[in-house]
N, C-alpha and C. Protein backbone atom coordinates (compact mmCIF):
# COMPACT_ATOMS: atom_id res chain seq x y z
N MET A 1 29.53 -58.90 -4.67
CA MET A 1 30.51 -59.74 -4.04
C MET A 1 31.27 -58.98 -2.96
N LYS A 2 31.56 -57.70 -3.23
CA LYS A 2 32.33 -56.92 -2.26
C LYS A 2 31.61 -56.84 -0.92
N ASN A 3 30.29 -56.76 -0.97
CA ASN A 3 29.50 -56.65 0.27
C ASN A 3 29.15 -58.01 0.84
N LYS A 4 29.66 -59.06 0.23
CA LYS A 4 29.43 -60.44 0.67
C LYS A 4 27.95 -60.81 0.69
N ARG A 5 27.20 -60.25 -0.26
CA ARG A 5 25.79 -60.58 -0.40
C ARG A 5 25.59 -61.81 -1.27
N ILE A 6 26.56 -62.05 -2.16
CA ILE A 6 26.46 -63.20 -3.07
C ILE A 6 27.82 -63.88 -3.19
N LYS A 7 27.76 -65.11 -3.63
CA LYS A 7 28.95 -65.86 -4.01
C LYS A 7 28.74 -66.22 -5.48
N VAL A 8 29.66 -65.82 -6.34
CA VAL A 8 29.55 -66.11 -7.77
C VAL A 8 30.43 -67.32 -8.08
N PHE A 9 29.81 -68.34 -8.66
CA PHE A 9 30.52 -69.56 -9.00
C PHE A 9 30.94 -69.57 -10.47
N ALA A 10 30.12 -68.98 -11.34
CA ALA A 10 30.43 -68.95 -12.76
C ALA A 10 29.58 -67.89 -13.45
N PHE A 11 30.07 -67.40 -14.57
CA PHE A 11 29.28 -66.50 -15.40
C PHE A 11 29.72 -66.63 -16.84
N ALA A 12 28.80 -66.31 -17.74
CA ALA A 12 29.09 -66.29 -19.17
C ALA A 12 28.42 -65.06 -19.76
N ILE A 13 29.18 -64.26 -20.45
CA ILE A 13 28.65 -63.06 -21.08
C ILE A 13 28.43 -63.37 -22.55
N MET A 14 27.18 -63.32 -22.98
CA MET A 14 26.81 -63.59 -24.36
C MET A 14 26.60 -62.25 -25.07
N ASN A 15 26.32 -62.29 -26.36
CA ASN A 15 26.17 -61.03 -27.10
C ASN A 15 24.89 -60.28 -26.73
N ASN A 16 23.87 -60.95 -26.20
CA ASN A 16 22.64 -60.25 -25.86
C ASN A 16 22.06 -60.64 -24.50
N HIS A 17 22.83 -61.38 -23.69
CA HIS A 17 22.39 -61.73 -22.34
C HIS A 17 23.57 -62.32 -21.56
N ILE A 18 23.35 -62.56 -20.28
CA ILE A 18 24.38 -63.17 -19.45
C ILE A 18 23.79 -64.35 -18.68
N HIS A 19 24.67 -65.24 -18.28
CA HIS A 19 24.30 -66.35 -17.41
C HIS A 19 25.13 -66.21 -16.14
N LEU A 20 24.48 -66.39 -14.99
CA LEU A 20 25.17 -66.36 -13.71
C LEU A 20 24.81 -67.58 -12.90
N ILE A 21 25.79 -68.14 -12.25
CA ILE A 21 25.52 -69.14 -11.23
C ILE A 21 26.02 -68.51 -9.94
N TRP A 22 25.08 -68.12 -9.10
CA TRP A 22 25.42 -67.41 -7.88
C TRP A 22 24.60 -67.95 -6.72
N GLN A 23 25.05 -67.65 -5.54
CA GLN A 23 24.34 -68.04 -4.33
C GLN A 23 24.19 -66.79 -3.48
N VAL A 24 22.95 -66.46 -3.15
CA VAL A 24 22.69 -65.33 -2.28
C VAL A 24 22.98 -65.77 -0.85
N GLN A 25 23.77 -64.99 -0.15
CA GLN A 25 24.19 -65.34 1.19
C GLN A 25 23.08 -65.09 2.22
N ALA A 26 23.19 -65.78 3.33
CA ALA A 26 22.20 -65.67 4.41
C ALA A 26 22.03 -64.22 4.84
N GLY A 27 20.79 -63.85 5.10
CA GLY A 27 20.49 -62.49 5.54
C GLY A 27 20.16 -61.55 4.40
N HIS A 28 20.21 -62.03 3.17
CA HIS A 28 19.91 -61.20 2.00
C HIS A 28 18.82 -61.87 1.18
N GLU A 29 17.98 -61.06 0.58
CA GLU A 29 16.87 -61.55 -0.23
C GLU A 29 17.27 -61.59 -1.71
N VAL A 30 16.89 -62.66 -2.39
CA VAL A 30 17.21 -62.82 -3.82
C VAL A 30 16.68 -61.62 -4.61
N ALA A 31 15.45 -61.22 -4.35
CA ALA A 31 14.84 -60.12 -5.11
C ALA A 31 15.63 -58.82 -4.93
N ASP A 32 16.10 -58.55 -3.73
CA ASP A 32 16.86 -57.32 -3.48
C ASP A 32 18.21 -57.36 -4.19
N VAL A 33 18.89 -58.50 -4.12
CA VAL A 33 20.19 -58.63 -4.78
C VAL A 33 20.02 -58.50 -6.29
N GLN A 34 19.01 -59.15 -6.84
CA GLN A 34 18.78 -59.09 -8.28
C GLN A 34 18.44 -57.66 -8.72
N LYS A 35 17.60 -56.99 -7.96
CA LYS A 35 17.22 -55.60 -8.30
C LYS A 35 18.46 -54.71 -8.32
N ASP A 36 19.31 -54.83 -7.31
CA ASP A 36 20.52 -54.01 -7.26
C ASP A 36 21.49 -54.35 -8.38
N PHE A 37 21.61 -55.63 -8.71
CA PHE A 37 22.48 -56.06 -9.81
C PHE A 37 22.00 -55.47 -11.13
N LEU A 38 20.71 -55.58 -11.40
CA LEU A 38 20.17 -55.07 -12.66
C LEU A 38 20.32 -53.55 -12.75
N LYS A 39 20.07 -52.85 -11.65
CA LYS A 39 20.21 -51.39 -11.66
C LYS A 39 21.67 -50.99 -11.90
N TYR A 40 22.59 -51.62 -11.20
CA TYR A 40 24.01 -51.30 -11.33
C TYR A 40 24.51 -51.57 -12.75
N THR A 41 24.23 -52.76 -13.26
CA THR A 41 24.74 -53.09 -14.60
C THR A 41 24.04 -52.27 -15.68
N GLY A 42 22.76 -51.98 -15.51
CA GLY A 42 22.05 -51.14 -16.46
C GLY A 42 22.65 -49.75 -16.54
N GLN A 43 22.99 -49.19 -15.37
CA GLN A 43 23.62 -47.87 -15.35
C GLN A 43 24.99 -47.90 -16.01
N LYS A 44 25.77 -48.94 -15.74
CA LYS A 44 27.10 -49.05 -16.35
C LYS A 44 27.00 -49.16 -17.87
N ILE A 45 26.03 -49.93 -18.35
CA ILE A 45 25.83 -50.06 -19.80
C ILE A 45 25.42 -48.72 -20.39
N LYS A 46 24.52 -48.02 -19.72
CA LYS A 46 24.08 -46.72 -20.22
C LYS A 46 25.24 -45.72 -20.29
N PHE A 47 26.06 -45.65 -19.25
CA PHE A 47 27.19 -44.72 -19.24
C PHE A 47 28.20 -45.08 -20.33
N PHE A 48 28.44 -46.37 -20.54
CA PHE A 48 29.35 -46.81 -21.59
C PHE A 48 28.82 -46.37 -22.96
N LEU A 49 27.53 -46.58 -23.19
CA LEU A 49 26.95 -46.20 -24.47
C LEU A 49 26.94 -44.69 -24.66
N GLN A 50 26.70 -43.93 -23.60
CA GLN A 50 26.74 -42.47 -23.70
C GLN A 50 28.11 -42.00 -24.17
N ASP A 51 29.16 -42.61 -23.64
CA ASP A 51 30.52 -42.20 -23.97
C ASP A 51 30.99 -42.70 -25.34
N ARG A 52 30.62 -43.93 -25.70
CA ARG A 52 31.23 -44.56 -26.87
C ARG A 52 30.30 -44.85 -28.03
N HIS A 53 29.00 -45.01 -27.76
CA HIS A 53 28.06 -45.38 -28.82
C HIS A 53 26.71 -44.66 -28.63
N PRO A 54 26.70 -43.34 -28.67
CA PRO A 54 25.45 -42.63 -28.41
C PRO A 54 24.31 -42.96 -29.37
N THR A 55 24.63 -43.34 -30.58
CA THR A 55 23.54 -43.69 -31.51
C THR A 55 22.87 -45.00 -31.10
N LEU A 56 23.64 -45.93 -30.58
CA LEU A 56 23.07 -47.18 -30.09
C LEU A 56 22.20 -46.95 -28.86
N LEU A 57 22.56 -45.98 -28.04
CA LEU A 57 21.78 -45.66 -26.84
C LEU A 57 20.36 -45.23 -27.22
N LYS A 58 20.21 -44.59 -28.38
CA LYS A 58 18.88 -44.17 -28.83
C LYS A 58 17.94 -45.36 -29.00
N GLU A 59 18.48 -46.52 -29.32
CA GLU A 59 17.64 -47.71 -29.48
C GLU A 59 17.07 -48.21 -28.16
N LEU A 60 17.63 -47.76 -27.05
CA LEU A 60 17.17 -48.17 -25.73
C LEU A 60 16.23 -47.15 -25.10
N GLU A 61 15.85 -46.12 -25.85
CA GLU A 61 14.94 -45.12 -25.30
C GLU A 61 13.59 -45.74 -24.99
N ALA A 62 13.06 -45.40 -23.81
CA ALA A 62 11.79 -45.96 -23.38
C ALA A 62 10.76 -44.89 -23.09
N ASN A 63 11.23 -43.70 -22.68
CA ASN A 63 10.34 -42.60 -22.34
C ASN A 63 9.24 -43.01 -21.37
N LEU A 64 9.63 -43.72 -20.32
CA LEU A 64 8.70 -44.11 -19.27
C LEU A 64 8.66 -43.01 -18.21
N SER A 65 7.70 -43.08 -17.33
CA SER A 65 7.56 -42.01 -16.32
C SER A 65 8.75 -41.97 -15.36
N ASP A 66 9.41 -43.10 -15.15
CA ASP A 66 10.52 -43.13 -14.18
C ASP A 66 11.89 -43.30 -14.82
N ARG A 67 11.98 -43.36 -16.15
CA ARG A 67 13.29 -43.50 -16.80
C ARG A 67 13.20 -43.12 -18.27
N LYS A 68 14.34 -42.71 -18.80
CA LYS A 68 14.41 -42.36 -20.21
C LYS A 68 14.87 -43.54 -21.07
N HIS A 69 15.62 -44.45 -20.47
CA HIS A 69 16.15 -45.62 -21.19
C HIS A 69 15.80 -46.90 -20.44
N GLN A 70 15.63 -47.97 -21.20
CA GLN A 70 15.34 -49.29 -20.63
C GLN A 70 16.39 -50.26 -21.15
N VAL A 71 17.27 -50.74 -20.28
CA VAL A 71 18.33 -51.66 -20.70
C VAL A 71 17.84 -53.10 -20.60
N TRP A 72 17.25 -53.48 -19.48
CA TRP A 72 16.85 -54.88 -19.28
C TRP A 72 15.47 -55.12 -19.77
């Protein structure tokens, strides 16, 4: 929203997923906005778990070639 790439009309945070009603603004691609959103929120979740719930973070271990954890 800060970069004016999207307009958020509503959201709901559930215990295991979220719902968003958003509009991608002209000049931006949906796939790019979604990729950046998922990366940003995934990193924030990982940092939160590292600080406050490290045992829960172990459940998200993926050991993939490009990442150690998989949030989404």
